[in-house]
Amino acid sequence: MLDRPEAQADPELFTAALLTAARAARFADIGAALRLGEQAAELARQLGADRLLIESLAALSSFCFLAGEPERQLRLGLEAVQLARQLGDDVLLGQSLQACLMSDAIDPAHARPLFTEATAATQRSGDHLVAATLTGSAAIQALITGDIPTARGYLEQAAQEMRAIGDETSNLSINMGWVLRQDNDPDGAS
């Protein structure tokens, strides 16, 4: 469908369609998702479509996470973050920070200020889903560094964000169990 000549009549709409197709493809074919995302990012860059470029770079960053490319994921995510900062768009900034903070290549000491910035951006934008994902990721980073009280605080914050949108996810409970076990509270963890 996207390769039909009439599909490319509106370049920005076509770029958005490529990005949508890339996001859908990530569930079935990560290679196709990467190719479509790269094409969307290149077209957005050529068009000077800043929002589409940021969205494409953030999406590509998350696809790289799924493809096991942490260095590329971080590079693309940080580019999206820089562009979102310049644009002054808190929604895109939160999404971009979320994408690059998932990277295994990020230094935990560098991640903490980015988590703080991401949390502030999502609070300003009211994006509870991204806020919950970010604080859940921050909790895992805190656990990795052995900071159990911070991990617990982040998980409690993530649970509040999820309740704000009416979602009670089991991942938060599992992660809180991990925190409680690390905090020598096996009864609370069960």
Protein backbone atom coordinates (compact mmCIF):
# COMPACT_ATOMS: atom_id res chain seq x y z
CA MET A 1 0.00 0.00 0.00
CA LEU A 2 2.79 2.44 0.88
CA ASP A 3 4.62 1.71 -2.36
CA ARG A 4 1.76 2.93 -4.54
CA PRO A 5 2.56 6.28 -6.25
CA GLU A 6 -0.57 8.00 -4.90
CA ALA A 7 0.48 7.14 -1.33
CA GLN A 8 3.33 9.61 -1.67
CA ALA A 9 1.20 12.55 -2.85
CA ASP A 10 1.49 14.29 0.55
CA PRO A 11 5.08 13.81 1.77
CA GLU A 12 4.36 14.55 5.45
CA LEU A 13 1.33 12.27 5.50
CA PHE A 14 3.38 9.57 3.78
CA THR A 15 6.14 9.98 6.38
CA ALA A 16 3.58 9.65 9.18
CA ALA A 17 2.20 6.53 7.50
CA LEU A 18 5.70 5.02 7.33
CA LEU A 19 6.16 5.71 11.04
CA THR A 20 2.81 4.12 11.85
CA ALA A 21 3.71 1.07 9.75
CA ALA A 22 7.07 0.85 11.52
CA ARG A 23 5.40 0.93 14.93
CA ALA A 24 3.01 -1.83 13.88
CA ALA A 25 5.81 -3.92 12.36
CA ARG A 26 7.85 -3.97 15.58
CA PHE A 27 5.54 -6.68 16.92
CA ALA A 28 6.09 -9.03 13.98
CA ASP A 29 9.30 -8.09 12.16
CA ILE A 30 11.86 -5.88 13.89
CA GLY A 31 13.94 -5.69 10.71
CA ALA A 32 11.00 -4.24 8.80
CA ALA A 33 10.29 -1.87 11.68
CA LEU A 34 13.88 -0.61 11.55
CA ARG A 35 13.80 -0.15 7.76
CA LEU A 36 10.46 1.69 7.81
CA GLY A 37 11.54 3.81 10.78
CA GLU A 38 14.81 4.74 9.09
CA GLN A 39 12.91 5.72 5.96
CA ALA A 40 10.48 7.84 8.01
CA ALA A 41 13.35 9.58 9.83
CA GLU A 42 15.19 10.32 6.58
CA LEU A 43 12.07 11.73 4.90
CA ALA A 44 11.21 13.82 7.99
CA ARG A 45 14.77 15.18 8.01
CA GLN A 46 14.54 16.08 4.28
CA LEU A 47 11.15 17.75 4.80
CA GLY A 48 12.29 19.71 7.82
CA ALA A 49 9.34 18.16 9.71
CA ASP A 50 10.76 18.47 13.21
CA ARG A 51 7.95 16.73 15.10
CA LEU A 52 7.92 13.78 12.70
CA LEU A 53 11.71 13.57 12.90
CA ILE A 54 11.65 13.49 16.71
CA GLU A 55 8.89 10.86 16.73
CA SER A 56 10.77 8.79 14.13
CA LEU A 57 14.07 8.98 16.00
CA ALA A 58 12.42 8.06 19.32
CA ALA A 59 10.61 5.14 17.66
CA LEU A 60 13.84 3.98 16.00
CA SER A 61 15.58 4.21 19.35
CA SER A 62 13.01 1.88 20.92
CA PHE A 63 13.22 -0.48 17.93
CA CYS A 64 16.99 -0.67 18.48
CA PHE A 65 16.28 -1.76 22.06
CA LEU A 66 14.22 -4.64 20.69
CA ALA A 67 16.90 -5.43 18.10
CA GLY A 68 19.66 -5.55 20.73
CA GLU A 69 21.52 -2.47 19.51
CA PRO A 70 22.00 -0.44 22.73
CA GLU A 71 24.66 1.99 21.46
CA ARG A 72 22.61 2.92 18.40
CA GLN A 73 19.51 3.12 20.57
CA LEU A 74 21.18 5.62 22.88
CA ARG A 75 22.57 7.71 20.00
CA LEU A 76 19.18 7.98 18.26
CA GLY A 77 17.38 8.61 21.54
CA LEU A 78 19.75 11.40 22.53
CA GLU A 79 19.34 13.04 19.11
CA ALA A 80 15.55 12.94 19.59
CA VAL A 81 15.96 14.41 23.09
CA GLN A 82 18.12 17.27 21.82
CA LEU A 83 15.61 18.13 19.07
CA ALA A 84 12.64 17.90 21.46
CA ARG A 85 14.40 20.27 23.87
CA GLN A 86 14.96 22.75 21.04
CA LEU A 87 11.32 22.47 20.01
CA GLY A 88 10.16 22.90 23.61
CA ASP A 89 7.61 20.07 23.35
CA ASP A 90 7.23 18.24 26.67
CA VAL A 91 5.28 15.33 25.18
CA LEU A 92 7.97 14.62 22.60
CA LEU A 93 10.69 15.24 25.17
CA GLY A 94 9.20 12.70 27.57
CA GLN A 95 8.80 10.12 24.82
CA SER A 96 12.34 10.72 23.55
CA LEU A 97 13.84 10.46 27.01
CA GLN A 98 11.87 7.28 27.60
CA ALA A 99 13.29 5.74 24.43
CA CYS A 100 16.93 6.51 25.16
CA LEU A 101 16.71 5.67 28.87
CA MET A 102 15.78 2.08 27.99
CA SER A 103 19.28 1.60 26.57
CA ASP A 104 21.70 -0.74 28.32
CA ALA A 105 24.48 1.53 27.02
CA ILE A 106 23.53 4.48 29.22
CA ASP A 107 25.74 5.15 32.21
CA PRO A 108 23.57 5.00 35.38
CA ALA A 109 25.17 8.21 36.68
CA HIS A 110 24.17 9.98 33.45
CA ALA A 111 20.71 8.38 33.51
CA ARG A 112 19.58 9.92 36.82
CA PRO A 113 19.43 13.57 35.61
CA LEU A 114 17.74 12.40 32.41
CA PHE A 115 15.11 10.55 34.47
CA THR A 116 14.57 13.72 36.49
CA GLU A 117 14.15 15.75 33.29
CA ALA A 118 11.83 13.14 31.80
CA THR A 119 9.68 13.04 34.92
CA ALA A 120 9.38 16.83 34.93
CA ALA A 121 8.44 16.86 31.23
CA THR A 122 5.74 14.23 31.69
CA GLN A 123 4.35 16.02 34.73
CA ARG A 124 4.08 19.22 32.71
CA SER A 125 2.45 17.40 29.79
CA GLY A 126 0.20 15.17 31.90
CA ASP A 127 1.35 12.02 30.06
CA HIS A 128 0.74 9.46 32.83
CA LEU A 129 1.57 6.41 30.70
CA VAL A 130 5.04 7.65 29.75
CA ALA A 131 5.55 8.85 33.34
CA ALA A 132 4.72 5.38 34.67
CA THR A 133 7.05 3.70 32.20
CA LEU A 134 9.84 6.13 33.03
CA THR A 135 9.52 5.77 36.77
CA GLY A 136 9.36 1.99 36.41
CA SER A 137 12.60 2.12 34.41
CA ALA A 138 14.13 4.46 36.99
CA ALA A 139 13.24 1.91 39.67
CA ILE A 140 15.07 -0.82 37.77
CA GLN A 141 18.13 1.44 37.36
CA ALA A 142 18.05 2.15 41.10
CA LEU A 143 17.84 -1.58 41.81
CA ILE A 144 20.82 -2.24 39.55
CA THR A 145 22.88 0.28 41.51
CA GLY A 146 21.62 -1.15 44.83
CA ASP A 147 19.59 1.92 45.84
CA ILE A 148 16.57 0.10 47.29
CA PRO A 149 14.83 3.13 48.91
CA THR A 150 14.96 5.06 45.62
CA ALA A 151 13.69 2.01 43.71
CA ARG A 152 10.77 1.69 46.11
CA GLY A 153 9.92 5.39 45.72
CA TYR A 154 9.99 5.18 41.94
CA LEU A 155 7.75 2.09 41.91
CA GLU A 156 5.25 3.77 44.22
CA GLN A 157 5.23 6.78 41.89
CA ALA A 158 4.78 4.51 38.85
CA ALA A 159 1.83 2.82 40.55
CA GLN A 160 0.21 6.23 41.16
CA GLU A 161 0.67 7.16 37.50
CA MET A 162 -0.89 3.89 36.35
CA ARG A 163 -3.85 4.32 38.71
CA ALA A 164 -4.35 7.82 37.24
CA ILE A 165 -5.10 6.21 33.87
CA GLY A 166 -6.99 3.25 35.33
CA ASP A 167 -4.33 0.62 34.67
CA GLU A 168 -3.12 -1.83 37.29
CA THR A 169 -0.25 -3.66 35.67
CA SER A 170 1.39 -6.75 37.10
CA ASN A 171 4.89 -5.56 36.16
CA LEU A 172 4.79 -2.99 38.92
CA SER A 173 3.80 -5.63 41.47
CA ILE A 174 6.56 -7.94 40.25
CA ASN A 175 9.13 -5.17 40.46
CA MET A 176 7.90 -4.12 43.92
CA GLY A 177 8.27 -7.74 45.02
CA TRP A 178 11.85 -7.61 43.78
CA VAL A 179 12.45 -4.41 45.79
CA LEU A 180 10.91 -5.88 48.93
CA ARG A 181 12.98 -9.04 48.59
CA GLN A 182 16.15 -6.96 48.15
CA ASP A 183 15.08 -4.95 51.20
CA ASN A 184 14.92 -8.19 53.24
CA ASP A 185 11.10 -8.19 53.39
CA PRO A 186 10.27 -11.64 51.95
CA ASP A 187 6.77 -11.58 53.49
CA GLY A 188 5.92 -8.34 51.68
CA ALA A 189 7.38 -9.73 48.46
CA SER A 190 5.00 -12.68 48.31
